[in-house]
Amino acid sequence: AVVSTQSTGDSQQKSFDKMRFLLLALSTVLASTVLCREQSCPTGTYLVFGECHLCPTGSYQPYEGARSHCLRCPRGTYAAVRGSTECTPCPENHFTYFDSSESPDSCVGPILLVKTCGEATEYTTEVELKDLTETSTVQVTSGRWSVTTRDGKQVELTPEIALPVSLRPSDLAGASPVITNEFCYTGSGRDYRGRANVSEYGVECLNWDDVASMPDYNPGHNYCRNFGTFSERPYCFISGDVDPRLVHCSVPKCVWDEECKSSEGGEGYLGPLDTTESLYKCQNWSKDYPHPHSYNDVGNHNQCRNPGGAEEKPWCYTMALTFPVWDYCNIRDCVAGVDKRYNFRL
């Protein structure tokens, strides 16, 4: 009987100890929960395990009390410092290929560098050149620019083409970026000649010379391109499990030519005009009636285009049952300073 009483007491003591342990654990959890609820992190930070952490570069947090993560900077912006409450927009006419950009160097677009009196200024859009001296310098570091002299002449400059020796900086009156497909692509991107070399997954492209499945294309670089007719936008190859893998690039589409043509050939025109200059209605590019053709991949529409810059200006096949089979379209040139603005569909 004594043994039985002692056994019962031990059992009760163990149950009591177990209950006390559970209550202690529960109180610890509740206290931690209350602490987390009371903790409110300021903007530019986020909460992890009861502590506030600064948002990493490339992200931001505009709200107080944020938990678990910060927001990624969208394309066309960047955050160069930790703890950002907002993202910094790229300069005018510039954008980024990816979101979460961490530096202004990620912004790409036309840049004109003007140095005068010991000061350097970068321009990204049309500029009136004043007060330049004989010792001033005008240099294109990115894109293609058209400079106008005081007597009305125009000269095109690129990073490879400098100001002619016959012209002095003081002879210049202004400059504006020339719309090209260097930073974005038109149509399906077969004319894209930019230097983007990263896939949409953020992986660097392989050199085309190292892609055995593309033996006819050996440009000696790894820039995004659209060789052939099977892709709707520029692509490249990245390393795969066995063979190189084809992936699209994160190059945006140019959307500036909607009311005018910014180049002489108008290969970037994306406007709605569907009638030729002789007033013929255009044939749908995806159809082969009344005229069979090989431009079906231009799109399921009947708007004037100049695919690949094959003709001297935008055109289309006509709905005439006999002649003309095709005809040019009357599209005005873009006016510098009015229509010519880089615009991207990101």
Protein backbone atom coordinates (compact mmCIF):
# COMPACT_ATOMS: atom_id res chain seq x y z
CA ALA A 1 0.00 0.00 0.00
CA VAL A 2 2.93 2.29 0.80
CA VAL A 3 4.47 1.56 -2.58
CA SER A 4 1.19 2.29 -4.31
CA THR A 5 0.85 5.66 -2.55
CA GLN A 6 4.42 6.66 -3.45
CA SER A 7 3.89 5.68 -7.12
CA THR A 8 0.75 7.79 -7.28
CA GLY A 9 2.62 10.81 -5.83
CA ASP A 10 5.45 10.48 -8.34
CA SER A 11 2.95 10.31 -11.18
CA GLN A 12 1.18 13.46 -9.99
CA GLN A 13 4.51 15.31 -9.65
CA LYS A 14 5.48 14.36 -13.23
CA SER A 15 2.11 15.55 -14.54
CA PHE A 16 2.54 18.83 -12.67
CA ASP A 17 6.08 19.33 -14.06
CA LYS A 18 4.84 18.59 -17.56
CA MET A 19 1.98 21.06 -17.23
CA ARG A 20 4.32 23.77 -15.87
CA PHE A 21 6.69 23.24 -18.84
CA LEU A 22 3.84 23.57 -21.33
CA LEU A 23 2.56 26.74 -19.66
CA LEU A 24 6.05 28.23 -19.68
CA ALA A 25 6.49 27.43 -23.39
CA LEU A 26 3.07 28.89 -24.19
CA SER A 27 3.80 32.10 -22.31
CA THR A 28 7.09 32.47 -24.19
CA VAL A 29 5.32 32.10 -27.55
CA LEU A 30 2.62 34.58 -26.56
CA ALA A 31 5.20 37.10 -25.36
CA SER A 32 7.11 36.75 -28.63
CA THR A 33 3.93 37.22 -30.63
CA VAL A 34 2.99 40.35 -28.70
CA LEU A 35 6.51 41.73 -29.19
CA CYS A 36 6.32 41.15 -32.95
CA ARG A 37 2.93 42.79 -33.09
CA GLU A 38 4.20 45.79 -31.23
CA GLN A 39 7.33 46.05 -33.40
CA SER A 40 6.68 48.47 -36.27
CA CYS A 41 9.52 48.95 -38.73
CA PRO A 42 9.91 52.35 -40.44
CA THR A 43 9.75 52.87 -44.20
CA GLY A 44 12.73 51.52 -46.09
CA THR A 45 12.93 48.47 -43.82
CA TYR A 46 11.20 45.13 -43.23
CA LEU A 47 10.69 42.87 -40.20
CA VAL A 48 12.43 39.50 -39.76
CA PHE A 49 12.38 37.58 -36.43
CA GLY A 50 11.51 40.71 -34.50
CA GLU A 51 14.26 42.85 -36.00
CA CYS A 52 14.07 45.58 -38.65
CA HIS A 53 16.38 45.23 -41.64
CA LEU A 54 17.21 47.75 -44.34
CA CYS A 55 15.82 47.00 -47.80
CA PRO A 56 18.65 45.77 -50.07
CA THR A 57 19.71 47.76 -53.11
CA GLY A 58 17.36 47.30 -56.05
CA SER A 59 14.31 47.30 -53.75
CA TYR A 60 12.26 49.76 -51.68
CA GLN A 61 9.57 49.89 -49.00
CA PRO A 62 7.23 52.91 -48.89
CA TYR A 63 5.12 51.56 -46.01
CA GLU A 64 5.69 51.28 -42.27
CA GLY A 65 5.37 47.93 -40.53
CA ALA A 66 6.36 45.87 -43.58
CA ARG A 67 7.02 42.19 -42.94
CA SER A 68 9.17 39.59 -44.65
CA HIS A 69 10.33 41.50 -47.74
CA CYS A 70 10.68 44.75 -49.68
CA LEU A 71 9.29 45.63 -53.11
CA ARG A 72 11.42 45.27 -56.23
CA CYS A 73 12.16 48.39 -58.25
CA PRO A 74 10.25 48.14 -61.57
CA ARG A 75 11.96 48.36 -64.94
CA GLY A 76 13.04 51.86 -65.79
CA THR A 77 14.04 52.61 -62.18
CA TYR A 78 16.79 51.69 -59.71
CA ALA A 79 17.69 51.91 -56.00
CA ALA A 80 21.41 52.43 -55.44
CA VAL A 81 21.36 52.55 -51.62
CA ARG A 82 19.99 50.26 -48.93
CA GLY A 83 16.90 51.37 -47.06
CA SER A 84 15.28 53.13 -50.01
CA THR A 85 11.69 54.29 -49.64
CA GLU A 86 11.28 54.83 -53.39
CA CYS A 87 13.08 53.97 -56.61
CA THR A 88 14.89 56.54 -58.72
CA PRO A 89 13.60 56.84 -62.32
CA CYS A 90 16.12 56.53 -65.13
CA PRO A 91 16.88 59.74 -67.04
CA GLU A 92 14.52 60.66 -69.88
CA ASN A 93 14.87 58.35 -72.91
CA HIS A 94 16.47 55.67 -70.72
CA PHE A 95 15.24 52.37 -69.26
CA THR A 96 16.54 49.20 -67.62
CA TYR A 97 16.39 45.72 -69.11
CA PHE A 98 15.36 44.17 -65.77
CA ASP A 99 13.61 45.09 -62.55
CA SER A 100 15.51 45.26 -59.22
CA SER A 101 18.25 47.39 -60.80
CA GLU A 102 20.83 48.58 -58.28
CA SER A 103 22.70 51.30 -60.14
CA PRO A 104 22.15 54.19 -62.57
CA ASP A 105 24.61 52.33 -64.81
CA SER A 106 21.76 49.86 -65.45
CA CYS A 107 19.86 52.59 -67.31
CA VAL A 108 20.51 52.48 -71.05
CA GLY A 109 19.74 55.08 -73.69
CA PRO A 110 21.33 57.87 -75.73
CA ILE A 111 23.95 60.03 -73.97
CA LEU A 112 25.68 63.16 -75.25
CA LEU A 113 28.61 64.34 -73.13
CA VAL A 114 29.43 68.06 -73.33
CA LYS A 115 32.47 69.47 -71.54
CA THR A 116 33.00 73.21 -71.27
CA CYS A 117 34.88 75.39 -68.81
CA GLY A 118 35.95 72.34 -66.85
CA GLU A 119 32.39 71.09 -66.29
CA ALA A 120 30.92 67.96 -67.86
CA THR A 121 27.18 67.57 -68.51
CA GLU A 122 25.36 64.49 -69.83
CA TYR A 123 22.27 65.01 -71.99
CA THR A 124 19.74 62.30 -72.78
CA THR A 125 17.24 64.27 -74.84
CA GLU A 126 17.19 67.20 -77.27
CA VAL A 127 19.41 70.05 -76.16
CA GLU A 128 20.23 73.56 -77.35
CA LEU A 129 24.00 74.01 -77.36
CA LYS A 130 24.89 77.45 -76.05
CA ASP A 131 28.05 79.15 -74.86
CA LEU A 132 30.39 76.49 -76.26
CA THR A 133 33.96 77.66 -76.69
CA GLU A 134 36.91 76.58 -78.81
CA THR A 135 38.08 74.35 -75.94
CA SER A 136 34.68 72.70 -75.39
CA THR A 137 34.20 69.06 -76.39
CA VAL A 138 31.07 67.30 -77.67
CA GLN A 139 31.15 63.50 -77.53
CA VAL A 140 28.52 60.79 -77.97
CA THR A 141 28.99 58.06 -75.38
CA SER A 142 25.82 56.11 -76.20
CA GLY A 143 23.38 55.92 -79.08
CA ARG A 144 23.24 58.03 -82.21
CA TRP A 145 22.89 61.84 -82.22
CA SER A 146 22.18 64.47 -84.83
CA VAL A 147 23.92 67.80 -84.23
CA THR A 148 22.87 70.97 -86.02
CA THR A 149 25.28 73.76 -86.88
CA ARG A 150 24.43 77.45 -86.66
CA ASP A 151 24.18 77.64 -90.45
CA GLY A 152 21.63 74.79 -90.57
CA LYS A 153 23.82 71.82 -91.49
CA GLN A 154 23.32 68.46 -89.78
CA VAL A 155 25.98 65.94 -88.80
CA GLU A 156 25.34 62.54 -87.24
CA LEU A 157 27.60 61.43 -84.38
CA THR A 158 28.07 58.05 -82.68
CA PRO A 159 30.60 56.72 -80.15
CA GLU A 160 32.67 55.71 -83.19
CA ILE A 161 32.05 58.86 -85.28
CA ALA A 162 33.41 62.05 -83.70
CA LEU A 163 32.78 65.67 -84.62
CA PRO A 164 34.54 66.42 -87.94
CA VAL A 165 37.76 68.39 -87.67
CA SER A 166 36.23 71.03 -89.94
CA LEU A 167 33.64 71.85 -87.26
CA ARG A 168 34.34 73.55 -83.97
CA PRO A 169 32.12 73.10 -80.89
CA SER A 170 31.27 76.80 -81.09
CA ASP A 171 29.77 76.14 -84.54
CA LEU A 172 27.04 73.94 -83.05
CA ALA A 173 23.51 75.12 -82.27
CA GLY A 174 21.84 71.99 -80.92
CA ALA A 175 21.65 68.20 -80.82
CA SER A 176 18.97 65.53 -80.53
CA PRO A 177 19.05 61.73 -80.22
CA VAL A 178 18.30 59.87 -83.43
CA ILE A 179 15.65 57.22 -83.07
CA THR A 180 17.16 53.84 -83.88
CA ASN A 181 16.61 50.24 -82.84
CA GLU A 182 19.82 50.22 -80.82
CA PHE A 183 18.05 50.12 -77.46
CA CYS A 184 14.80 48.43 -78.47
CA TYR A 185 13.48 46.42 -81.40
CA THR A 186 10.91 47.05 -84.11
CA GLY A 187 8.68 44.45 -85.75
CA SER A 188 10.00 41.04 -84.76
CA GLY A 189 13.50 42.36 -84.08
CA ARG A 190 15.26 41.04 -87.17
CA ASP A 191 16.86 44.48 -87.59
CA TYR A 192 17.84 44.85 -83.93
CA ARG A 193 21.50 45.88 -83.69
CA GLY A 194 21.80 46.71 -79.99
CA ARG A 195 24.29 45.29 -77.51
CA ALA A 196 21.97 43.62 -75.01
CA ASN A 197 23.58 40.27 -74.18
CA VAL A 198 21.53 38.94 -71.26
CA SER A 199 18.52 36.62 -71.52
CA GLU A 200 15.16 37.36 -69.92
CA TYR A 201 16.27 35.09 -67.05
CA GLY A 202 19.26 37.30 -66.30
CA VAL A 203 21.78 34.78 -67.67
CA GLU A 204 24.53 36.03 -70.00
CA CYS A 205 24.20 34.88 -73.62
CA LEU A 206 26.64 32.48 -75.25
CA ASN A 207 28.74 33.65 -78.17
CA TRP A 208 26.94 32.77 -81.41
CA ASP A 209 30.12 31.10 -82.65
CA ASP A 210 29.74 28.56 -79.82
CA VAL A 211 26.20 27.51 -80.77
CA ALA A 212 26.55 24.41 -82.98
CA SER A 213 22.84 24.44 -83.91
CA MET A 214 23.28 27.84 -85.60
CA PRO A 215 26.15 27.12 -88.02
CA ASP A 216 25.09 29.81 -90.52
CA TYR A 217 25.28 32.63 -87.98
CA ASN A 218 28.77 33.51 -86.78
CA PRO A 219 28.84 37.24 -86.01
CA GLY A 220 31.58 36.78 -83.40
CA HIS A 221 29.62 38.26 -80.45
CA ASN A 222 26.93 37.31 -77.93
CA TYR A 223 24.43 40.12 -78.53
CA CYS A 224 20.72 39.31 -78.73
CA ARG A 225 19.48 38.90 -82.30
CA ASN A 226 16.61 37.39 -84.28
CA PHE A 227 18.14 35.24 -86.98
CA GLY A 228 15.60 33.40 -89.11
CA THR A 229 11.82 33.70 -89.06
CA PHE A 230 10.69 31.44 -86.20
CA SER A 231 10.85 33.94 -83.33
CA GLU A 232 8.73 37.03 -82.65
CA ARG A 233 11.52 38.92 -80.84
CA PRO A 234 15.29 38.90 -80.26
CA TYR A 235 16.75 35.86 -78.55
CA CYS A 236 20.05 34.20 -77.71
CA PHE A 237 21.37 30.90 -76.38
CA ILE A 238 22.40 30.14 -72.81
CA SER A 239 24.05 27.04 -71.38
CA GLY A 240 21.62 24.12 -70.99
CA ASP A 241 21.79 20.73 -69.31
CA VAL A 242 23.11 19.11 -72.49
CA ASP A 243 23.02 21.58 -75.40
CA PRO A 244 22.71 25.38 -75.55
CA ARG A 245 19.16 26.50 -74.85
CA LEU A 246 17.30 29.15 -76.88
CA VAL A 247 15.69 31.86 -74.72
CA HIS A 248 14.24 35.29 -75.46
CA CYS A 249 16.03 38.45 -74.41
CA SER A 250 14.67 41.19 -72.18
CA VAL A 251 14.90 43.84 -74.92
CA PRO A 252 11.81 46.09 -75.02
CA LYS A 253 9.82 46.83 -78.14
CA CYS A 254 10.02 50.28 -79.73
CA VAL A 255 6.63 51.96 -79.89
CA TRP A 256 7.46 55.49 -81.04
CA ASP A 257 6.38 55.29 -84.69
CA GLU A 258 2.62 55.34 -84.20
CA GLU A 259 1.79 58.59 -85.99
CA CYS A 260 4.89 59.09 -88.14
CA LYS A 261 8.04 57.36 -89.37
CA SER A 262 11.25 58.26 -87.60
CA SER A 263 13.58 56.78 -90.20
CA GLU A 264 13.56 57.27 -93.95
CA GLY A 265 12.50 53.69 -94.59
CA GLY A 266 9.96 53.68 -91.77
CA GLU A 267 10.79 50.13 -90.67
CA GLY A 268 9.76 51.11 -87.12
CA TYR A 269 6.33 52.42 -88.10
CA LEU A 270 3.63 50.75 -85.95
CA GLY A 271 0.69 53.04 -86.69
CA PRO A 272 -2.87 52.21 -87.78
CA LEU A 273 -2.82 53.47 -91.41
CA ASP A 274 -4.34 50.77 -93.66
CA THR A 275 -4.79 52.61 -96.97
CA THR A 276 -2.12 53.17 -99.62
CA GLU A 277 -1.17 56.50 -101.15
CA SER A 278 -3.26 55.53 -104.21
CA LEU A 279 -6.23 54.91 -101.86
CA TYR A 280 -6.20 51.11 -102.12
CA LYS A 281 -7.27 49.20 -99.02
CA CYS A 282 -4.46 47.08 -97.60
CA GLN A 283 -4.58 43.28 -97.54
CA ASN A 284 -4.25 41.48 -94.19
CA TRP A 285 -0.60 40.41 -93.82
CA SER A 286 -1.59 37.02 -92.42
CA LYS A 287 -3.76 36.23 -95.47
CA ASP A 288 -2.77 35.16 -98.97
CA TYR A 289 -5.80 36.57 -100.74
CA PRO A 290 -5.95 38.23 -103.13
CA HIS A 291 -2.14 38.13 -103.35
CA PRO A 292 -0.03 35.26 -101.96
CA HIS A 293 3.20 36.40 -100.31
CA SER A 294 5.89 35.50 -97.75
CA TYR A 295 5.28 38.22 -95.13
CA ASN A 296 2.54 36.41 -93.18
CA ASP A 297 4.49 36.75 -89.92
CA VAL A 298 4.13 40.57 -89.92
CA GLY A 299 0.85 40.14 -88.02
CA ASN A 300 -2.86 39.55 -88.21
CA HIS A 301 -3.72 43.05 -89.44
CA ASN A 302 -3.72 45.10 -92.64
CA GLN A 303 -1.72 48.14 -91.49
CA CYS A 304 1.12 49.66 -93.52
CA ARG A 305 4.54 48.31 -92.61
CA ASN A 306 8.06 47.96 -94.00
CA PRO A 307 9.19 44.56 -92.70
CA GLY A 308 12.94 44.30 -92.58
CA GLY A 309 13.30 47.67 -94.28
CA ALA A 310 12.97 45.87 -97.61
CA GLU A 311 11.39 48.87 -99.36
CA GLU A 312 12.12 52.61 -99.31
CA LYS A 313 9.10 53.34 -97.09
CA PRO A 314 6.07 51.57 -95.51
CA TRP A 315 3.83 49.68 -97.91
CA CYS A 316 1.25 46.90 -98.07
CA TYR A 317 -0.33 44.41 -100.44
CA THR A 318 -3.55 45.79 -101.87
CA MET A 319 -7.04 44.34 -102.05
CA ALA A 320 -7.06 44.96 -105.82
CA LEU A 321 -7.80 41.67 -107.58
CA THR A 322 -5.28 42.43 -110.34
CA PHE A 323 -2.91 45.40 -110.17
CA PRO A 324 -1.29 46.98 -108.28
CA VAL A 325 -0.27 43.94 -106.20
CA TRP A 326 1.26 46.26 -103.60
CA ASP A 327 1.61 50.00 -103.07
CA TYR A 328 3.40 52.51 -100.84
CA CYS A 329 1.67 54.26 -97.95
CA ASN A 330 1.79 58.00 -97.35
CA ILE A 331 3.20 58.42 -93.83
CA ARG A 332 4.73 61.69 -92.70
CA ASP A 333 8.22 61.97 -91.21
CA CYS A 334 8.51 62.49 -87.48
CA VAL A 335 9.33 66.08 -86.53
CA ALA A 336 12.49 66.49 -84.44
CA GLY A 337 11.69 67.84 -81.02
CA VAL A 338 8.00 66.99 -81.40
CA ASP A 339 7.59 63.33 -82.36
CA LYS A 340 11.06 61.94 -81.80
CA ARG A 341 11.03 60.60 -78.31
CA TYR A 342 12.22 57.19 -77.25
CA ASN A 343 9.31 55.15 -75.98
CA PHE A 344 9.48 51.53 -74.90
CA ARG A 345 6.95 48.79 -74.28
CA LEU A 346 8.53 47.10 -71.25
